[in-house]
Every structure is written in structure tokens, then in C-alpha cells.
C-alpha atoms as a PDB file:
ATOM      1  CA  MET A   1      99.336 110.608  47.867  1.00  0.00           C
ATOM      2  CA  SER A   2     100.775 109.470  51.307  1.00  0.00           C
ATOM      3  CA  GLN A   3     101.434 105.677  51.874  1.00  0.00           C
ATOM      4  CA  LEU A   4     100.335 105.756  55.403  1.00  0.00           C
ATOM      5  CA  PRO A   5      96.782 104.784  56.239  1.00  0.00           C
ATOM      6  CA  GLN A   6      94.228 107.050  57.430  1.00  0.00           C
ATOM      7  CA  THR A   7      93.140 104.614  60.116  1.00  0.00           C
ATOM      8  CA  ILE A   8      94.751 102.058  62.359  1.00  0.00           C
ATOM      9  CA  PRO A   9      92.640  99.538  64.288  1.00  0.00           C
ATOM     10  CA  SER A  10      92.957 100.040  67.991  1.00  0.00           C
ATOM     11  CA  TYR A  11      93.825  96.334  68.673  1.00  0.00           C
ATOM     12  CA  LEU A  12      97.145  96.950  66.778  1.00  0.00           C
ATOM     13  CA  ILE A  13      98.239  99.582  69.396  1.00  0.00           C
ATOM     14  CA  GLU A  14      99.896  98.581  72.395  1.00  0.00           C
ATOM     15  CA  VAL A  15     100.247 101.093  75.419  1.00  0.00           C
ATOM     16  CA  VAL A  16     102.598 100.628  78.375  1.00  0.00           C
ATOM     17  CA  PRO A  17     100.944 101.822  81.836  1.00  0.00           C
ATOM     18  CA  GLU A  18     103.384 103.807  84.025  1.00  0.00           C
ATOM     19  CA  PHE A  19     103.244 105.208  87.480  1.00  0.00           C
ATOM     20  CA  LYS A  20     104.556 108.514  87.846  1.00  0.00           C
ATOM     21  CA  VAL A  21     105.415 110.746  91.179  1.00  0.00           C
ATOM     22  CA  GLU A  22     106.277 114.419  90.309  1.00  0.00           C
ATOM     23  CA  GLY A  23     106.869 113.403  86.460  1.00  0.00           C
ATOM     24  CA  GLU A  24     109.571 110.685  87.164  1.00  0.00           C
ATOM     25  CA  THR A  25     108.310 107.200  86.158  1.00  0.00           C
ATOM     26  CA  VAL A  26     108.525 105.038  89.628  1.00  0.00           C
ATOM     27  CA  LEU A  27     106.940 101.967  87.962  1.00  0.00           C
ATOM     28  CA  SER A  28     105.942 100.819  84.581  1.00  0.00           C
ATOM     29  CA  GLY A  29     103.678  97.394  83.909  1.00  0.00           C
ATOM     30  CA  PRO A  30     103.922  95.162  80.648  1.00  0.00           C
ATOM     31  CA  ALA A  31     102.707  96.345  77.126  1.00  0.00           C
ATOM     32  CA  MET A  32      98.810  95.871  76.804  1.00  0.00           C
ATOM     33  CA  THR A  33      96.524  96.730  73.808  1.00  0.00           C
ATOM     34  CA  LEU A  34      94.868 100.080  74.022  1.00  0.00           C
ATOM     35  CA  GLY A  35      91.182 100.007  75.297  1.00  0.00           C
ATOM     36  CA  GLU A  36      92.209  96.899  77.513  1.00  0.00           C
ATOM     37  CA  ASP A  37      90.608  97.287  81.193  1.00  0.00           C
ATOM     38  CA  LEU A  38      93.477  97.694  83.769  1.00  0.00           C
ATOM     39  CA  SER A  39      92.679  97.454  87.639  1.00  0.00           C
ATOM     40  CA  PHE A  40      94.465 100.198  89.576  1.00  0.00           C
ATOM     41  CA  SER A  41      94.120  99.459  93.344  1.00  0.00           C
ATOM     42  CA  PHE A  42      95.348 101.185  96.578  1.00  0.00           C
ATOM     43  CA  ALA A  43      95.049 101.152 100.094  1.00  0.00           C
ATOM     44  CA  VAL A  44      94.341 103.535 102.679  1.00  0.00           C
ATOM     45  CA  THR A  45      94.977 103.264 106.451  1.00  0.00           C
ATOM     46  CA  MET A  46      93.074 105.153 108.640  1.00  0.00           C
ATOM     47  CA  PRO A  47      93.592 105.257 112.501  1.00  0.00           C
ATOM     48  CA  VAL A  48      89.958 104.866 113.279  1.00  0.00           C
ATOM     49  CA  PHE A  49      88.633 102.823 110.286  1.00  0.00           C
ATOM     50  CA  GLY A  50      91.950 100.711 109.675  1.00  0.00           C
ATOM     51  CA  THR A  51      92.914  99.720 106.337  1.00  0.00           C
ATOM     52  CA  ARG A  52      90.659  99.948 103.029  1.00  0.00           C
ATOM     53  CA  ILE A  53      91.505  98.686  99.475  1.00  0.00           C
ATOM     54  CA  SER A  54      89.895 100.546  96.605  1.00  0.00           C
ATOM     55  CA  ILE A  55      89.707  99.080  93.305  1.00  0.00           C
ATOM     56  CA  SER A  56      88.935 101.073  90.426  1.00  0.00           C
ATOM     57  CA  PRO A  57      89.261  99.824  86.569  1.00  0.00           C
ATOM     58  CA  VAL A  58      91.164 101.979  84.183  1.00  0.00           C
ATOM     59  CA  ILE A  59      91.083 101.700  80.244  1.00  0.00           C
ATOM     60  CA  ALA A  60      94.473 101.381  78.744  1.00  0.00           C
ATOM     61  CA  GLY A  61      95.477 104.579  76.845  1.00  0.00           C
ATOM     62  CA  SER A  62      93.328 106.817  79.530  1.00  0.00           C
ATOM     63  CA  TYR A  63      94.911 109.052  81.921  1.00  0.00           C
ATOM     64  CA  LEU A  64      94.583 109.006  85.588  1.00  0.00           C
ATOM     65  CA  SER A  65      95.521 111.607  88.060  1.00  0.00           C
ATOM     66  CA  VAL A  66      95.706 110.484  91.758  1.00  0.00           C
ATOM     67  CA  ALA A  67      95.748 113.138  94.443  1.00  0.00           C
ATOM     68  CA  VAL A  68      96.590 112.494  98.149  1.00  0.00           C
ATOM     69  CA  VAL A  69      95.466 114.714 100.583  1.00  0.00           C
ATOM     70  CA  GLY A  70      96.263 113.558 104.240  1.00  0.00           C
ATOM     71  CA  GLY A  71      97.729 114.637 107.657  1.00  0.00           C
ATOM     72  CA  SER A  72     100.767 112.190 107.503  1.00  0.00           C
ATOM     73  CA  VAL A  73     101.473 110.920 104.002  1.00  0.00           C
ATOM     74  CA  SER A  74     104.699 108.788 103.915  1.00  0.00           C
ATOM     75  CA  VAL A  75     106.827 110.322 100.970  1.00  0.00           C
ATOM     76  CA  LYS A  76     108.705 107.337 101.074  1.00  0.00           C
ATOM     77  CA  GLY A  77     105.539 105.303 100.367  1.00  0.00           C
ATOM     78  CA  LEU A  78     104.546 107.517  97.293  1.00  0.00           C
ATOM     79  CA  ALA A  79     107.892 107.294  96.035  1.00  0.00           C
ATOM     80  CA  GLU A  80     108.313 103.325  96.266  1.00  0.00           C
ATOM     81  CA  PRO A  81     104.946 101.911  95.130  1.00  0.00           C
ATOM     82  CA  LYS A  82     104.916  98.097  94.684  1.00  0.00           C
ATOM     83  CA  LEU A  83     103.636  96.744  91.412  1.00  0.00           C
ATOM     84  CA  THR A  84     100.774  94.617  93.215  1.00  0.00           C
ATOM     85  CA  ASP A  85      99.635  97.936  95.205  1.00  0.00           C
ATOM     86  CA  VAL A  86      99.290  99.849  91.638  1.00  0.00           C
ATOM     87  CA  LEU A  87      98.544  97.693  88.945  1.00  0.00           C
ATOM     88  CA  GLY A  88      96.322  95.046  91.038  1.00  0.00           C
END
């Protein structure tokens, strides 16, 4: 008989949010409880419409993939995100 429990309450599990570019972690946040809400925000600047900021909630422990499609995306901008840009 195993000494390990069959279940673990989610409030006992902590996860660390990470922002990766091409598999390399470029930003990490503080540990948070599994299932907790995390505010993910980003800004898109368009020549005609200006800058628009989007905010989306992400559940801690889930996976979010961000695809960038544009005519002139700055590689430096993707490689050096700011904590406030990504984690709200």
C-alpha cells in the first residue's frame, strides 16, 4: 500500500507563471495558487488606429500560446518583455 495520498487539494499546489520566446524563459512571475486568476495584457500599435491594450484573464496552471502575426514585429520587443506588459 502506498504512503502517498490519492488526491491533493489544488489550494496546496503552487505554480510559477513563465513567458517563453522560442522555448527560452524570458520572464517569470511569483508563485501563485493553482487555479488563481492571472491578468495577461499586451499592447498592439497600429499606424492607423494607434495603440490598443488587450487584457485577458489566464488561469494559473493553464497554458497560453501567443502568436504574433504582423508586417514589422520587433524581435527585440518579443525577446525583452516587461513584467508589467505580460503579467499586468
